[in-house]
Protein backbone atom coordinates (compact mmCIF):
# COMPACT_ATOMS: atom_id res chain seq x y z
CA UNK A 1 46.38 1.69 -95.01
CA UNK A 2 49.35 0.23 -93.13
CA UNK A 3 49.44 -3.55 -92.74
CA UNK A 4 51.66 -5.29 -90.19
CA UNK A 5 51.85 -8.98 -89.25
CA UNK A 6 52.65 -10.35 -85.83
CA UNK A 7 52.52 -14.16 -85.94
CA UNK A 8 48.93 -15.15 -86.76
CA UNK A 9 47.62 -11.60 -86.28
CA UNK A 10 47.33 -8.93 -88.97
CA UNK A 11 47.13 -5.32 -87.82
CA UNK A 12 45.60 -2.86 -90.25
CA UNK A 13 46.13 0.78 -89.35
CA UNK A 14 43.99 3.51 -90.85
CA UNK A 15 45.87 6.48 -92.24
CA UNK A 16 43.81 9.06 -94.14
CA UNK A 17 41.13 7.21 -96.07
CA UNK A 18 37.53 7.15 -94.93
CA UNK A 19 36.18 4.20 -92.99
CA UNK A 20 34.10 3.12 -95.99
CA UNK A 21 37.20 3.12 -98.19
CA UNK A 22 39.14 1.13 -95.60
CA UNK A 23 36.38 -1.50 -95.33
CA UNK A 24 36.19 -1.72 -99.11
CA UNK A 25 39.97 -2.17 -99.41
CA UNK A 26 39.98 -4.93 -96.78
CA UNK A 27 37.04 -6.71 -98.44
CA UNK A 28 38.71 -6.62 -101.86
CA UNK A 29 41.91 -8.25 -100.56
CA UNK A 30 40.19 -10.40 -97.93
CA UNK A 31 40.55 -13.89 -99.47
CA UNK A 32 44.16 -13.36 -100.54
CA UNK A 33 45.61 -11.47 -97.58
CA UNK A 34 43.45 -11.54 -94.45
CA UNK A 35 41.20 -14.59 -94.26
CA UNK A 36 43.76 -16.82 -92.50
CA UNK A 37 44.74 -14.32 -89.81
CA UNK A 38 43.14 -12.73 -86.78
CA UNK A 39 42.47 -9.08 -87.66
CA UNK A 40 42.99 -5.95 -85.64
CA UNK A 41 41.82 -2.72 -87.27
CA UNK A 42 43.37 0.36 -85.67
CA UNK A 43 41.40 3.55 -86.18
CA UNK A 44 43.52 5.66 -83.84
CA UNK A 45 44.48 8.21 -86.48
CA UNK A 46 40.85 9.30 -86.95
CA UNK A 47 39.69 12.14 -84.71
CA UNK A 48 36.04 11.18 -84.49
CA UNK A 49 34.46 7.78 -84.96
CA UNK A 50 30.70 7.56 -85.23
CA UNK A 51 28.52 4.55 -84.59
CA UNK A 52 27.79 4.49 -88.34
CA UNK A 53 31.54 4.25 -89.05
CA UNK A 54 31.90 1.27 -86.74
CA UNK A 55 28.82 -0.44 -88.22
CA UNK A 56 30.55 -0.35 -91.63
CA UNK A 57 32.72 -3.21 -90.29
CA UNK A 58 29.77 -5.42 -89.28
CA UNK A 59 29.55 -7.57 -92.42
CA UNK A 60 33.33 -8.00 -92.57
CA UNK A 61 33.45 -8.90 -88.87
CA UNK A 62 30.64 -11.45 -89.20
CA UNK A 63 32.34 -13.09 -92.17
CA UNK A 64 35.69 -13.24 -90.40
CA UNK A 65 34.28 -14.54 -87.12
CA UNK A 66 32.35 -17.15 -89.12
CA UNK A 67 35.74 -18.42 -90.33
CA UNK A 68 36.75 -18.93 -86.65
CA UNK A 69 39.08 -15.93 -86.58
CA UNK A 70 39.00 -12.89 -84.30
CA UNK A 71 38.14 -9.41 -85.57
CA UNK A 72 38.85 -6.49 -83.23
CA UNK A 73 38.54 -2.75 -83.82
CA UNK A 74 40.81 -0.45 -81.79
CA UNK A 75 39.71 3.12 -81.19
CA UNK A 76 39.57 5.41 -78.20
CA UNK A 77 37.45 7.92 -80.15
CA UNK A 78 34.15 6.01 -80.02
CA UNK A 79 31.57 5.65 -77.27
CA UNK A 80 32.09 2.00 -76.38
CA UNK A 81 28.69 1.82 -74.66
CA UNK A 82 26.96 2.45 -78.00
CA UNK A 83 28.80 -0.27 -79.93
CA UNK A 84 26.74 -3.23 -81.14
CA UNK A 85 27.35 -6.52 -79.35
CA UNK A 86 28.26 -8.19 -82.66
CA UNK A 87 31.44 -6.10 -82.93
CA UNK A 88 34.44 -6.15 -80.63
CA UNK A 89 35.65 -2.58 -80.08
CA UNK A 90 38.39 -1.80 -77.55
CA UNK A 91 40.34 1.37 -76.73
CA UNK A 92 43.90 -0.03 -76.80
CA UNK A 93 46.02 -2.39 -78.88
CA UNK A 94 46.92 -4.44 -75.80
CA UNK A 95 43.24 -5.08 -75.13
CA UNK A 96 42.86 -6.26 -78.73
CA UNK A 97 45.65 -8.80 -78.20
CA UNK A 98 43.99 -9.91 -74.93
CA UNK A 99 40.64 -10.41 -76.68
CA UNK A 100 42.26 -12.52 -79.40
CA UNK A 101 44.01 -14.64 -76.79
CA UNK A 102 40.76 -15.19 -74.87
CA UNK A 103 38.84 -16.05 -78.05
CA UNK A 104 41.56 -18.53 -79.05
CA UNK A 105 41.19 -20.25 -75.68
CA UNK A 106 37.40 -20.35 -76.09
CA UNK A 107 37.75 -21.88 -79.57
CA UNK A 108 40.19 -24.48 -78.24
CA UNK A 109 37.66 -25.40 -75.54
CA UNK A 110 34.87 -25.70 -78.10
CA UNK A 111 32.84 -22.59 -77.27
């Protein structure tokens, strides 16, 4: 797991561990390292991403979004049409930044 910070955004890149292991690692360090930042999880190193893999992030995403922070998954390996509405999944890192910017504006406007 590679962690990078860019202002108020933390980017977590998946290396070799399974999605379940990645989710578990993020959850264990959540309060100390990630709670105060918008999160982008990059799964670009994985060859195939199943719907079940993406759903592993649902609880973490709901918790994070409940704290008024954005949670975006970046992968071009998943069928975006099958993704649940509760999760934000985009194919590129730039789109993840755009989503966070839009959600910040919505929060500022009270939505």
